Amino acid sequence: RKDECIRRRVTDERELRIPLQYGWRREIRIKTAECRLQGETTYFAPCGKRLRQFPEVIKYLVRNAVTEVSREHFSFSPRMNVGEFFEAQDCSEGVQWCKLNAEEIPLRIKAMMGRRGRPPNPNKQRVPKQPKVKRGKGRPPKVKAVIFLNNTELKFMKRIESQAVLNEKEKQKLRALLNKLKQKGQAKPRPERKLKKAQRVKMDQKAKQVKKRQKLKRRQQKLQLRQEMKKPTEDLYLTDHKPLPEFAPIPGLVLSGRAFSDCLTVIEFLHNYGKVLGFDTSKDVPSLNTLQEGLLNVGDNMGNIQDLLIRLLQIAVLNPGMPHKYQSVTFLGEQICDIGINRDNVSEVLRIFLEAYGAEAELCEGLKSKSFQAHCSEKKAAVLAFLVNELLGSSVVIREIDKNIDHRANIRRNKWIVDGKLRRLKRALAKKKGIREPNGIVDGRRRKKDPGSDEGHSGNADGKGQEENAKEETKEKPLERRTDGTNKMDDHPCTSAAELNRQIEKLSKRQTFFARKLLQVSQTLRALLLGQDRFRRRYWVFPHLCGVFVEGSEASLGTEELEAERSQ
């Protein structure tokens, strides 16, 4: 239908020239392949990065937040007269790329758009096709003659035809043969046998389909039952209520819950990405005690926190930098990145940075009249957390995150390969010992849906963990097919049980190593959420801090208890 068909969008050359106005470069290289001209289109971003496919262009636009151009302004078709054209020419030194002028470009494009294959021969004589004779509607199809006699009877009939006079015996034989032919001619072929056979085949097919549907239904029921068993049970349906432990606040903690969470964010960021920003993680990263005393202006730690603020602000001013209208703010027209930030002017530069990136108006107004050290601990912790969140948009940090994601994908792939080999060896060992595995397929798939598999993030409440688990399932399906397809090749019947045990032990160590490495790399990207209890308290594990942190509501404690804890 015309309404259902999808129309292809015709690219306009005027739209393709828009990226060239913003520093992009479009280059087409033409070469001869199989007696035809072929072109290859390449885009060069303003930073010089080479892009050869649409996914690379879209990834670059999203990652660098480019708004001037979009996907519709790009085309990798070499038949569009936009950009620079180069043609490969053979010389004594080898193949060289020569730039084409404006007059040669349309000719090359026309040659690339030419018709493929061998050109038509006008002198070739075509044989006219004869019209097919169609059979009429009432005309019956031709039926092959059916022979009802065997070889001896046929020979007797031919001998009778050759003789002129017949005796009595021959006449009797001839009458018997004629009666036989008459009976066979009158007898109609019985279609009951064919019908019964067709019905039997249909019944077998229906029975197979019914068995297949029943088997699929039982498998779906097992999966649903397993999913229901993994779901957390509500407290109202529990028959044996076990009392949950009562947790006391962290000893020595004076900061509020919001300020303490900001402190955890700053410390985890410095541990994970401080090295790429120039921090020495063993010396420059403060501890929780030091950070709390500095925010409360206790002792010499106040100066350490101020030095940490200056260093973070210097890095943030350079990368990701300041917006255009906040570049020059001094009376002399100097840029903020050229100003040396120290303890005297850090509050003013911080105010300008917060205003440029849309921070809370209360923080910006407070820095106009008071310095950073004069504010309360919650506001100072919020400022440090704001700087850390903005530094996540730095190109250096983004590059480090991409590298960690690629590294995690490689480790996960290696772990899947080891898991497949380990399953095949265990299956071969079970065959050697004569142990039957009825749920082998279910056990192989259980690893994908296990809450503690790979990273231990499948128990997370957010949607990102569910999306990652879905991606892992879709990636693991073709891998399992490939490993199962090579099962017959890898299973060696001559291998002894001791050798299989030795290989299984070796692969189990490798599996443990990859699982530990995968957890370590995953913790550099996010903290591990173990789950929450019936009181909505969430349990966190931070890779660079010891112990399990329980995030509870401060409203569960009364005001008197909070004041008593703070006074202690």
Protein backbone atom coordinates (compact mmCIF):
# COMPACT_ATOMS: atom_id res chain seq x y z
CA ARG A 1 0.00 0.00 0.00
CA LYS A 2 1.06 3.56 -0.61
CA ASP A 3 0.11 4.65 2.92
CA GLU A 4 2.21 1.92 4.55
CA CYS A 5 5.35 2.32 2.48
CA ILE A 6 8.22 4.31 3.99
CA ARG A 7 9.52 7.13 1.80
CA ARG A 8 13.23 7.72 1.73
CA ARG A 9 14.31 11.25 2.48
CA VAL A 10 16.23 12.93 -0.35
CA THR A 11 19.24 14.81 1.05
CA ASP A 12 19.65 18.40 -0.09
CA GLU A 13 23.14 19.68 -0.93
CA ARG A 14 22.39 22.96 0.82
CA GLU A 15 21.86 21.13 4.10
CA LEU A 16 25.09 19.18 3.62
CA ARG A 17 27.04 22.45 3.34
CA ILE A 18 25.87 23.65 6.78
CA PRO A 19 28.48 21.61 8.75
CA LEU A 20 31.23 23.07 6.54
CA GLN A 21 30.37 26.52 7.93
CA TYR A 22 31.13 25.34 11.48
CA GLY A 23 34.59 23.93 10.78
CA TRP A 24 33.66 20.46 9.53
CA ARG A 25 35.36 19.01 6.45
CA ARG A 26 33.91 16.52 3.94
CA GLU A 27 36.31 14.47 1.85
CA ILE A 28 35.49 11.98 -0.93
CA ARG A 29 38.18 9.63 -2.27
CA ILE A 30 37.47 7.99 -5.64
CA LYS A 31 39.22 4.82 -6.81
CA THR A 32 38.71 2.21 -9.50
CA ALA A 33 37.52 -1.22 -8.34
CA GLU A 34 36.35 -3.97 -10.71
CA CYS A 35 36.36 -1.62 -13.72
CA ARG A 36 34.05 0.82 -11.92
CA LEU A 37 34.52 4.04 -10.01
CA GLN A 38 33.77 3.83 -6.30
CA GLY A 39 33.81 6.66 -3.77
CA GLU A 40 34.39 6.65 -0.01
CA THR A 41 33.14 9.59 2.07
CA THR A 42 34.86 10.74 5.27
CA TYR A 43 33.96 13.59 7.64
CA PHE A 44 36.56 15.46 9.70
CA ALA A 45 35.29 17.15 12.87
CA PRO A 46 36.58 20.61 13.89
CA CYS A 47 38.96 18.89 16.33
CA GLY A 48 40.39 16.77 13.49
CA LYS A 49 38.70 13.47 14.38
CA ARG A 50 37.89 11.21 11.41
CA LEU A 51 34.31 9.90 11.13
CA ARG A 52 33.42 7.30 8.51
CA GLN A 53 30.01 6.04 9.61
CA PHE A 54 26.73 7.45 10.89
CA PRO A 55 27.08 5.85 14.38
CA GLU A 56 30.42 7.61 14.82
CA VAL A 57 28.85 10.97 13.81
CA ILE A 58 25.89 10.54 16.17
CA LYS A 59 28.18 9.47 19.03
CA TYR A 60 30.40 12.52 18.46
CA LEU A 61 27.43 14.94 18.36
CA VAL A 62 25.93 13.52 21.57
CA ARG A 63 29.20 13.30 23.47
CA ASN A 64 30.32 16.86 22.62
CA ALA A 65 26.79 18.36 22.93
CA VAL A 66 26.87 19.81 19.41
CA THR A 67 23.64 21.75 18.69
CA GLU A 68 24.55 23.66 15.52
CA VAL A 69 24.26 20.60 13.28
CA SER A 70 22.31 17.34 13.49
CA ARG A 71 22.16 13.95 11.80
CA GLU A 72 20.15 15.31 8.83
CA HIS A 73 23.09 17.52 7.83
CA PHE A 74 25.36 14.55 7.08
CA SER A 75 25.43 12.10 4.18
CA PHE A 76 28.04 9.50 3.26
CA SER A 77 26.89 9.25 -0.35
CA PRO A 78 29.83 10.00 -2.74
CA ARG A 79 27.38 11.22 -5.39
CA MET A 80 26.71 14.54 -3.61
CA ASN A 81 28.77 17.46 -4.94
CA VAL A 82 29.78 18.76 -1.51
CA GLY A 83 33.30 18.86 -0.09
CA GLU A 84 36.70 17.99 -1.54
CA PHE A 85 37.14 15.20 -4.13
CA PHE A 86 40.35 13.20 -4.55
CA GLU A 87 41.14 10.54 -7.17
CA ALA A 88 43.71 7.74 -6.97
CA GLN A 89 46.28 7.82 -9.78
CA ASP A 90 49.10 5.35 -10.40
CA CYS A 91 52.54 6.91 -10.61
CA SER A 92 56.11 5.67 -10.54
CA GLU A 93 56.19 6.31 -6.79
CA GLY A 94 52.95 4.41 -6.24
CA VAL A 95 49.31 5.40 -5.77
CA GLN A 96 48.83 9.12 -5.16
CA TRP A 97 45.67 11.05 -4.38
CA CYS A 98 45.13 14.06 -6.66
CA LYS A 99 42.54 16.71 -5.92
CA LEU A 100 39.88 17.21 -8.59
CA ASN A 101 38.86 20.65 -9.81
CA ALA A 102 35.29 21.91 -10.09
CA GLU A 103 34.97 20.86 -13.76
CA GLU A 104 36.05 17.24 -13.20
CA ILE A 105 33.82 16.55 -10.20
CA PRO A 106 30.45 16.32 -12.10
CA LEU A 107 32.03 13.93 -14.65
CA ARG A 108 33.24 11.60 -11.90
CA ILE A 109 29.87 11.71 -10.15
CA LYS A 110 28.12 10.89 -13.41
CA ALA A 111 30.52 7.97 -13.96
CA MET A 112 29.80 6.63 -10.45
CA MET A 113 26.04 6.92 -11.09
CA GLY A 114 26.37 4.95 -14.33
CA ARG A 115 24.56 1.68 -14.95
CA ARG A 116 26.17 -1.44 -13.48
CA GLY A 117 26.99 -4.54 -15.50
CA ARG A 118 27.72 -5.04 -19.23
CA PRO A 119 26.34 -2.34 -21.59
CA PRO A 120 23.53 -3.47 -23.95
CA ASN A 121 24.43 -4.72 -27.48
CA PRO A 122 22.11 -3.11 -30.09
CA ASN A 123 23.26 -5.51 -32.87
CA LYS A 124 22.19 -8.64 -30.98
CA GLN A 125 19.20 -10.38 -32.57
CA ARG A 126 16.58 -11.31 -30.09
CA VAL A 127 14.55 -14.49 -30.61
CA PRO A 128 10.83 -13.73 -30.35
CA LYS A 129 9.15 -15.66 -27.59
CA GLN A 130 6.40 -17.98 -28.71
CA PRO A 131 3.13 -17.64 -26.82
CA LYS A 132 2.32 -20.52 -24.53
CA VAL A 133 -0.70 -22.64 -25.39
CA LYS A 134 -3.13 -22.50 -22.54
CA ARG A 135 -5.36 -25.47 -21.80
CA GLY A 136 -9.07 -24.82 -21.96
CA LYS A 137 -11.20 -24.87 -18.88
CA GLY A 138 -13.29 -27.87 -19.89
CA ARG A 139 -10.45 -29.85 -21.40
CA PRO A 140 -9.29 -32.73 -19.18
CA PRO A 141 -5.57 -33.28 -18.55
CA LYS A 142 -3.71 -35.99 -20.38
CA VAL A 143 -3.71 -39.28 -18.56
CA LYS A 144 -0.95 -41.80 -19.02
CA ALA A 145 -2.02 -45.23 -20.21
CA VAL A 146 -2.13 -47.76 -17.43
CA ILE A 147 -0.93 -51.27 -18.24
CA PHE A 148 -2.86 -53.98 -16.36
CA LEU A 149 -0.99 -57.06 -17.81
CA ASN A 150 2.32 -58.56 -16.84
CA ASN A 151 5.12 -59.48 -19.25
CA THR A 152 4.02 -63.07 -20.02
CA GLU A 153 0.47 -61.96 -20.80
CA LEU A 154 1.74 -59.20 -23.08
CA LYS A 155 3.87 -61.66 -25.02
CA PHE A 156 0.84 -63.98 -25.41
CA MET A 157 -1.31 -61.11 -26.76
CA LYS A 158 1.34 -60.18 -29.34
CA ARG A 159 1.62 -63.80 -30.49
CA ILE A 160 -2.15 -64.04 -30.91
CA GLU A 161 -2.18 -60.83 -32.98
CA SER A 162 0.45 -62.31 -35.32
CA GLN A 163 -1.55 -65.58 -35.88
CA ALA A 164 -4.49 -65.69 -38.24
CA VAL A 165 -6.24 -68.86 -36.95
CA LEU A 166 -6.71 -69.68 -33.25
CA ASN A 167 -7.31 -73.09 -31.66
CA GLU A 168 -9.59 -73.81 -28.70
CA LYS A 169 -6.99 -73.42 -25.96
CA GLU A 170 -5.83 -70.11 -27.30
CA LYS A 171 -9.42 -68.88 -27.55
CA GLN A 172 -10.04 -69.79 -23.88
CA LYS A 173 -6.88 -67.93 -22.81
CA LEU A 174 -7.90 -64.93 -24.89
CA ARG A 175 -11.37 -64.85 -23.24
CA ALA A 176 -9.78 -65.06 -19.75
CA LEU A 177 -7.45 -62.17 -20.56
CA LEU A 178 -10.30 -60.06 -21.95
CA ASN A 179 -12.36 -60.70 -18.79
CA LYS A 180 -9.36 -59.77 -16.68
CA LEU A 181 -8.87 -56.53 -18.61
CA LYS A 182 -12.57 -55.73 -18.32
CA GLN A 183 -12.58 -56.27 -14.57
CA LYS A 184 -9.46 -54.16 -14.08
CA GLY A 185 -10.82 -51.43 -16.29
CA GLN A 186 -14.11 -51.29 -14.42
CA ALA A 187 -12.43 -51.33 -11.02
CA LYS A 188 -11.92 -47.75 -9.78
CA PRO A 189 -8.82 -46.80 -7.76
CA ARG A 190 -9.60 -46.64 -4.09
CA PRO A 191 -8.85 -43.16 -2.65
CA GLU A 192 -9.53 -44.35 0.89
CA ARG A 193 -5.94 -45.38 1.41
CA LYS A 194 -4.59 -42.00 0.30
CA LEU A 195 -7.12 -40.17 2.44
CA LYS A 196 -6.28 -42.28 5.46
CA LYS A 197 -2.59 -41.67 4.92
CA ALA A 198 -3.12 -37.89 4.58
CA GLN A 199 -5.32 -37.88 7.69
CA ARG A 200 -2.69 -39.88 9.58
CA VAL A 201 0.01 -37.36 8.60
CA LYS A 202 -2.20 -34.44 9.67
CA MET A 203 -2.95 -36.10 12.99
CA ASP A 204 0.77 -36.67 13.59
CA GLN A 205 1.52 -33.05 12.80
CA LYS A 206 -1.23 -31.83 15.12
CA ALA A 207 0.01 -34.10 17.89
CA LYS A 208 3.55 -32.76 17.48
CA GLN A 209 2.28 -29.18 17.59
CA VAL A 210 0.24 -29.91 20.72
CA LYS A 211 3.26 -31.49 22.41
CA LYS A 212 5.41 -28.53 21.42
CA ARG A 213 2.88 -26.04 22.80
CA GLN A 214 2.56 -28.01 26.03
CA LYS A 215 6.34 -28.15 26.42
CA LEU A 216 6.64 -24.40 25.79
CA LYS A 217 3.81 -23.73 28.26
CA ARG A 218 5.51 -25.83 30.95
CA ARG A 219 8.79 -23.99 30.37
CA GLN A 220 7.06 -20.61 30.65
CA GLN A 221 5.37 -21.72 33.84
CA LYS A 222 8.73 -22.76 35.30
CA LEU A 223 10.24 -19.40 34.38
CA GLN A 224 7.30 -17.51 35.88
CA LEU A 225 7.50 -19.60 39.04
CA ARG A 226 11.22 -18.92 39.34
CA GLN A 227 10.67 -15.18 38.84
CA GLU A 228 7.91 -15.13 41.44
CA MET A 229 10.16 -16.95 43.90
CA LYS A 230 12.89 -14.36 43.39
CA LYS A 231 10.56 -11.43 44.06
CA PRO A 232 10.71 -9.97 47.58
CA THR A 233 7.81 -10.98 49.80
CA GLU A 234 5.74 -8.30 51.48
CA ASP A 235 5.81 -8.15 55.27
CA LEU A 236 2.05 -8.77 55.50
CA TYR A 237 2.49 -12.21 53.87
CA LEU A 238 5.36 -13.30 56.11
CA THR A 239 4.51 -15.86 58.76
CA ASP A 240 7.74 -15.56 60.74
CA HIS A 241 8.73 -11.94 61.30
CA LYS A 242 12.37 -11.62 62.24
CA PRO A 243 13.36 -8.41 64.04
CA LEU A 244 15.71 -6.18 62.07
CA PRO A 245 18.81 -4.86 63.82
CA GLU A 246 18.77 -1.33 65.19
CA PHE A 247 21.68 0.67 63.81
CA ALA A 248 23.21 3.51 65.75
CA PRO A 249 24.58 6.57 63.91
CA ILE A 250 28.23 6.56 62.89
CA PRO A 251 30.38 7.36 65.96
CA GLY A 252 31.72 10.89 65.88
CA LEU A 253 29.49 12.01 62.98
CA VAL A 254 28.26 15.58 63.51
CA LEU A 255 27.30 16.51 59.94
CA SER A 256 23.76 16.15 58.69
CA GLY A 257 22.77 13.34 56.36
CA ARG A 258 22.80 15.59 53.27
CA ALA A 259 26.24 16.98 54.05
CA PHE A 260 27.64 13.51 54.80
CA SER A 261 26.33 12.14 51.47
CA ASP A 262 28.05 15.06 49.69
CA CYS A 263 31.28 14.19 51.51
CA LEU A 264 31.00 10.57 50.34
CA THR A 265 30.47 11.79 46.76
CA VAL A 266 33.59 13.98 46.88
CA ILE A 267 35.80 11.24 48.37
CA GLU A 268 34.65 8.56 45.89
CA PHE A 269 35.18 10.94 42.95
CA LEU A 270 38.70 11.82 44.07
CA HIS A 271 39.60 8.15 44.56
CA ASN A 272 38.24 7.10 41.14
CA TYR A 273 39.22 10.04 38.91
CA GLY A 274 41.67 12.08 41.00
CA LYS A 275 44.66 10.45 39.32
CA VAL A 276 43.68 11.68 35.83
CA LEU A 277 43.08 15.18 37.26
CA GLY A 278 46.56 15.37 38.81
CA PHE A 279 45.77 14.38 42.41
CA ASP A 280 47.93 12.05 44.45
CA THR A 281 45.33 9.67 45.90
CA SER A 282 47.58 8.72 48.82
CA LYS A 283 48.23 12.31 49.94
CA ASP A 284 45.78 14.79 48.41
CA VAL A 285 42.53 12.89 49.07
CA PRO A 286 41.23 13.72 52.57
CA SER A 287 39.64 11.20 54.90
CA LEU A 288 36.08 11.47 56.25
CA ASN A 289 37.34 12.76 59.59
CA THR A 290 39.54 15.41 57.93
CA LEU A 291 36.73 16.49 55.63
CA GLN A 292 34.27 16.81 58.53
CA GLU A 293 36.69 18.85 60.67
CA GLY A 294 37.50 21.10 57.70
CA LEU A 295 33.83 21.77 56.99
CA LEU A 296 33.26 22.56 60.69
CA ASN A 297 36.35 24.91 60.74
CA VAL A 298 38.15 22.80 63.35
CA GLY A 299 41.95 22.92 63.57
CA ASP A 300 44.30 23.05 60.59
CA ASN A 301 41.97 21.01 58.42
CA MET A 302 40.09 24.18 57.51
CA GLY A 303 43.04 25.25 55.33
CA ASN A 304 43.26 21.78 53.75
CA ILE A 305 39.62 21.95 52.65
CA GLN A 306 40.19 25.45 51.27
CA ASP A 307 43.22 24.22 49.29
CA LEU A 308 41.10 21.33 47.95
CA LEU A 309 38.42 23.84 46.88
CA ILE A 310 41.02 26.01 45.08
CA ARG A 311 42.43 23.03 43.22
CA LEU A 312 39.03 21.71 42.14
CA LEU A 313 37.96 25.19 41.04
CA GLN A 314 41.13 25.70 38.97
CA ILE A 315 40.54 22.41 37.13
CA ALA A 316 36.83 23.21 36.57
CA VAL A 317 37.60 26.67 35.16
CA LEU A 318 39.97 25.17 32.58
CA ASN A 319 37.94 22.08 31.71
CA PRO A 320 34.93 22.08 31.19
CA GLY A 321 35.54 25.85 31.28
CA MET A 322 33.24 28.84 31.51
CA PRO A 323 30.40 29.90 29.18
CA HIS A 324 31.16 32.61 26.65
CA LYS A 325 29.50 35.54 28.43
CA TYR A 326 31.41 34.76 31.66
CA GLN A 327 34.83 34.57 30.02
CA SER A 328 35.99 38.15 30.83
CA VAL A 329 34.63 39.62 34.07
CA THR A 330 37.42 41.88 35.34
CA PHE A 331 37.72 45.59 34.66
CA LEU A 332 40.91 44.94 32.72
CA GLY A 333 39.13 42.39 30.51
CA GLU A 334 41.12 39.42 31.79
CA GLN A 335 39.75 35.92 31.54
CA ILE A 336 39.09 33.90 34.66
CA CYS A 337 41.31 31.07 33.47
CA ASP A 338 44.26 33.53 33.40
CA ILE A 339 43.69 34.73 36.97
CA GLY A 340 45.68 33.00 39.70
CA ILE A 341 43.13 31.63 42.18
CA ASN A 342 44.21 31.88 45.82
CA ARG A 343 42.58 32.00 49.23
CA ASP A 344 41.81 35.72 48.86
CA ASN A 345 39.84 35.61 45.61
CA VAL A 346 38.53 32.01 45.64
CA SER A 347 35.11 33.04 47.00
CA GLU A 348 34.52 35.56 44.19
CA VAL A 349 35.67 33.22 41.44
CA LEU A 350 33.53 30.49 42.97
CA ARG A 351 30.49 32.77 42.93
CA ILE A 352 31.00 33.56 39.23
CA PHE A 353 31.40 29.84 38.44
CA LEU A 354 28.22 28.93 40.35
CA GLU A 355 26.24 31.66 38.60
CA ALA A 356 27.54 30.53 35.20
CA TYR A 357 26.38 26.94 35.73
CA GLY A 358 23.01 27.76 37.34
CA ALA A 359 23.63 26.84 40.97
CA GLU A 360 21.19 27.71 43.74
CA ALA A 361 20.60 31.43 44.10
CA GLU A 362 21.02 31.22 47.87
CA LEU A 363 24.62 29.98 47.52
CA CYS A 364 25.50 32.68 44.99
CA GLU A 365 23.96 35.47 47.09
CA GLY A 366 25.70 34.22 50.22
CA LEU A 367 29.14 34.36 48.57
CA LYS A 368 28.64 38.07 47.75
CA SER A 369 28.70 39.07 51.42
CA LYS A 370 30.53 36.18 53.11
CA SER A 371 33.55 34.10 52.19
CA PHE A 372 33.43 30.34 51.65
CA GLN A 373 34.73 29.54 55.14
CA ALA A 374 32.04 31.67 56.82
CA HIS A 375 29.19 29.46 55.55
CA CYS A 376 27.70 26.49 57.35
CA SER A 377 28.97 22.97 56.80
CA GLU A 378 25.97 21.90 54.67
CA LYS A 379 26.48 24.70 52.13
CA LYS A 380 30.22 24.10 51.93
CA ALA A 381 29.66 20.38 51.33
CA ALA A 382 27.04 21.23 48.70
CA VAL A 383 29.56 23.51 46.91
CA LEU A 384 32.19 20.75 46.82
CA ALA A 385 29.63 18.25 45.51
CA PHE A 386 28.53 20.76 42.82
CA LEU A 387 32.13 21.16 41.63
CA VAL A 388 32.56 17.38 41.52
CA ASN A 389 29.37 16.97 39.46
CA GLU A 390 30.54 19.60 36.96
CA LEU A 391 33.94 17.94 36.68
CA LEU A 392 32.17 14.79 35.48
CA GLY A 393 31.63 16.70 32.22
CA SER A 394 35.35 17.23 31.77
CA SER A 395 36.85 15.63 28.66
CA VAL A 396 39.56 13.94 30.74
CA VAL A 397 37.03 12.32 33.07
CA ILE A 398 34.75 11.30 30.18
CA ARG A 399 37.70 9.65 28.44
CA GLU A 400 38.54 7.74 31.62
CA ILE A 401 34.91 6.60 32.00
CA ASP A 402 34.82 5.37 28.38
CA LYS A 403 38.05 3.49 28.93
CA ASN A 404 36.64 1.80 32.05
CA ILE A 405 33.44 0.84 30.19
CA ASP A 406 35.43 -0.74 27.33
CA HIS A 407 37.67 -2.52 29.83
CA ARG A 408 34.61 -3.89 31.64
CA ALA A 409 33.12 -5.12 28.35
CA ASN A 410 36.35 -6.98 27.50
CA ILE A 411 36.50 -8.62 30.94
CA ARG A 412 32.84 -9.61 30.72
CA ARG A 413 33.39 -11.19 27.30
CA ASN A 414 36.36 -13.18 28.61
CA LYS A 415 34.31 -14.28 31.59
CA TRP A 416 31.49 -15.50 29.34
CA ILE A 417 33.96 -17.53 27.27
CA VAL A 418 35.40 -19.15 30.40
CA ASP A 419 31.88 -19.86 31.70
CA GLY A 420 30.95 -21.61 28.45
CA LYS A 421 34.07 -23.77 28.51
CA LEU A 422 33.48 -24.63 32.16
CA ARG A 423 29.88 -25.70 31.47
CA ARG A 424 30.99 -27.95 28.60
CA LEU A 425 33.66 -29.59 30.75
CA LYS A 426 31.20 -30.22 33.57
CA ARG A 427 28.75 -31.72 31.10
CA ALA A 428 31.47 -34.00 29.71
CA LEU A 429 32.47 -35.05 33.24
CA ALA A 430 28.84 -35.86 34.06
CA LYS A 431 28.63 -38.06 30.95
CA LYS A 432 31.82 -39.84 32.00
CA LYS A 433 30.40 -40.60 35.45
CA GLY A 434 26.96 -41.47 34.08
CA ILE A 435 25.21 -38.63 35.91
CA ARG A 436 22.13 -37.29 34.16
CA GLU A 437 21.53 -33.55 34.06
CA PRO A 438 17.81 -32.91 33.54
CA ASN A 439 18.01 -29.14 34.08
CA GLY A 440 21.21 -28.41 32.21
CA ILE A 441 19.70 -25.69 30.06
CA VAL A 442 18.04 -24.00 33.02
CA ASP A 443 21.28 -24.10 35.02
CA GLY A 444 23.16 -22.54 32.12
CA ARG A 445 20.70 -19.66 31.97
CA ARG A 446 20.49 -19.21 35.72
CA ARG A 447 23.73 -17.25 35.75
CA LYS A 448 22.21 -14.44 33.73
CA LYS A 449 19.36 -13.85 36.17
CA ASP A 450 21.26 -14.54 39.38
CA PRO A 451 21.23 -11.45 41.65
CA GLY A 452 24.86 -11.97 42.58
CA SER A 453 26.23 -12.61 39.08
CA ASP A 454 28.89 -10.46 37.37
CA GLU A 455 28.64 -7.17 39.22
CA GLY A 456 25.94 -7.78 41.79
CA HIS A 457 23.94 -4.85 40.44
CA SER A 458 20.82 -6.73 39.38
CA GLY A 459 19.25 -5.99 42.76
CA ASN A 460 19.42 -2.25 42.15
CA ALA A 461 16.18 -0.34 42.28
CA ASP A 462 17.04 2.06 39.46
CA GLY A 463 16.29 1.44 35.79
CA LYS A 464 19.92 1.46 34.69
CA GLY A 465 20.62 -1.88 36.32
CA GLN A 466 17.64 -3.48 34.58
CA GLU A 467 18.73 -2.10 31.19
CA GLU A 468 22.25 -3.48 31.68
CA ASN A 469 20.86 -6.91 32.61
CA ALA A 470 18.70 -6.91 29.45
CA LYS A 471 21.74 -6.04 27.34
CA GLU A 472 23.76 -8.78 28.99
CA GLU A 473 21.02 -11.33 28.17
CA THR A 474 20.87 -10.28 24.50
CA LYS A 475 24.66 -10.43 24.20
CA GLU A 476 24.95 -13.82 25.89
CA LYS A 477 22.40 -15.64 23.68
CA PRO A 478 24.54 -15.76 20.48
CA LEU A 479 27.59 -16.57 22.59
CA GLU A 480 25.82 -19.56 24.16
CA ARG A 481 24.71 -20.77 20.73
CA ARG A 482 28.28 -20.62 19.49
CA THR A 483 29.65 -22.49 22.49
CA ASP A 484 26.88 -25.09 22.33
CA GLY A 485 27.48 -25.52 18.61
CA THR A 486 31.11 -26.47 19.23
CA ASN A 487 30.21 -28.86 22.03
CA LYS A 488 30.69 -31.95 19.93
CA MET A 489 34.12 -30.82 18.81
CA ASP A 490 35.38 -29.95 22.29
CA ASP A 491 34.12 -33.06 24.12
CA HIS A 492 36.89 -35.64 23.88
CA PRO A 493 35.60 -39.09 24.82
CA CYS A 494 39.17 -40.34 25.32
CA THR A 495 39.89 -37.73 28.04
CA SER A 496 39.98 -39.23 31.50
CA ALA A 497 37.94 -38.01 34.47
CA ALA A 498 41.11 -36.88 36.31
CA GLU A 499 42.11 -34.73 33.35
CA LEU A 500 38.62 -33.20 33.20
CA ASN A 501 38.75 -32.42 36.94
CA ARG A 502 42.11 -30.74 36.50
CA GLN A 503 40.80 -28.58 33.64
CA ILE A 504 37.66 -27.70 35.60
CA GLU A 505 39.75 -26.61 38.60
CA LYS A 506 41.96 -24.47 36.36
CA LEU A 507 38.98 -22.81 34.65
CA SER A 508 37.26 -22.24 38.00
CA LYS A 509 40.26 -20.21 39.17
CA ARG A 510 40.14 -18.15 35.98
CA GLN A 511 36.41 -17.62 36.44
CA THR A 512 36.96 -16.37 40.00
CA PHE A 513 39.72 -14.06 38.79
CA PHE A 514 37.52 -12.54 36.05
CA ALA A 515 34.58 -12.15 38.46
CA ARG A 516 36.78 -10.31 40.98
CA LYS A 517 38.27 -8.15 38.22
CA LEU A 518 34.81 -7.36 36.83
CA LEU A 519 33.56 -6.28 40.26
CA GLN A 520 36.63 -4.10 40.74
CA VAL A 521 36.21 -2.33 37.39
CA SER A 522 32.45 -1.93 37.91
CA GLN A 523 32.97 -0.23 41.26
CA THR A 524 34.98 2.52 39.55
CA LEU A 525 31.80 3.47 37.66
CA ARG A 526 29.26 3.39 40.49
CA ALA A 527 28.82 2.35 44.09
CA LEU A 528 27.21 -1.00 44.90
CA LEU A 529 23.64 -0.89 46.22
CA LEU A 530 22.85 -4.10 48.09
CA GLY A 531 19.12 -3.33 48.48
CA GLN A 532 16.76 -2.02 51.12
CA ASP A 533 14.78 -3.41 54.05
CA ARG A 534 11.18 -2.95 55.13
CA PHE A 535 12.05 0.39 56.77
CA ARG A 536 13.25 1.74 53.40
CA ARG A 537 16.84 1.79 54.61
CA ARG A 538 19.30 1.30 51.77
CA TYR A 539 22.59 -0.55 52.16
CA TRP A 540 25.63 0.79 50.24
CA VAL A 541 29.14 -0.54 49.69
CA PHE A 542 31.81 1.96 48.61
CA PRO A 543 35.00 0.48 47.12
CA HIS A 544 37.39 2.88 48.86
CA LEU A 545 35.65 3.01 52.27
CA CYS A 546 35.47 0.10 54.67
CA GLY A 547 32.22 -1.45 55.81
CA VAL A 548 28.59 -1.28 54.74
CA PHE A 549 26.86 2.11 54.95
CA VAL A 550 23.17 2.15 55.88
CA GLU A 551 21.24 5.10 54.48
CA GLY A 552 18.29 5.81 56.75
CA SER A 553 15.86 8.65 57.21
CA GLU A 554 16.79 11.30 59.75
CA ALA A 555 13.12 11.70 60.53
CA SER A 556 13.17 8.30 62.25
CA LEU A 557 15.15 9.88 65.08
CA GLY A 558 13.58 12.52 67.24
CA THR A 559 14.97 16.03 67.64
CA GLU A 560 16.14 15.29 71.16
CA GLU A 561 18.06 12.21 70.03
CA LEU A 562 19.70 14.15 67.19
CA GLU A 563 20.76 16.94 69.54
CA ALA A 564 22.12 14.39 72.03
CA GLU A 565 24.13 12.68 69.29
CA ARG A 566 25.55 15.99 68.04
CA SER A 567 26.44 17.15 71.55
CA GLN A 568 28.29 13.85 72.15
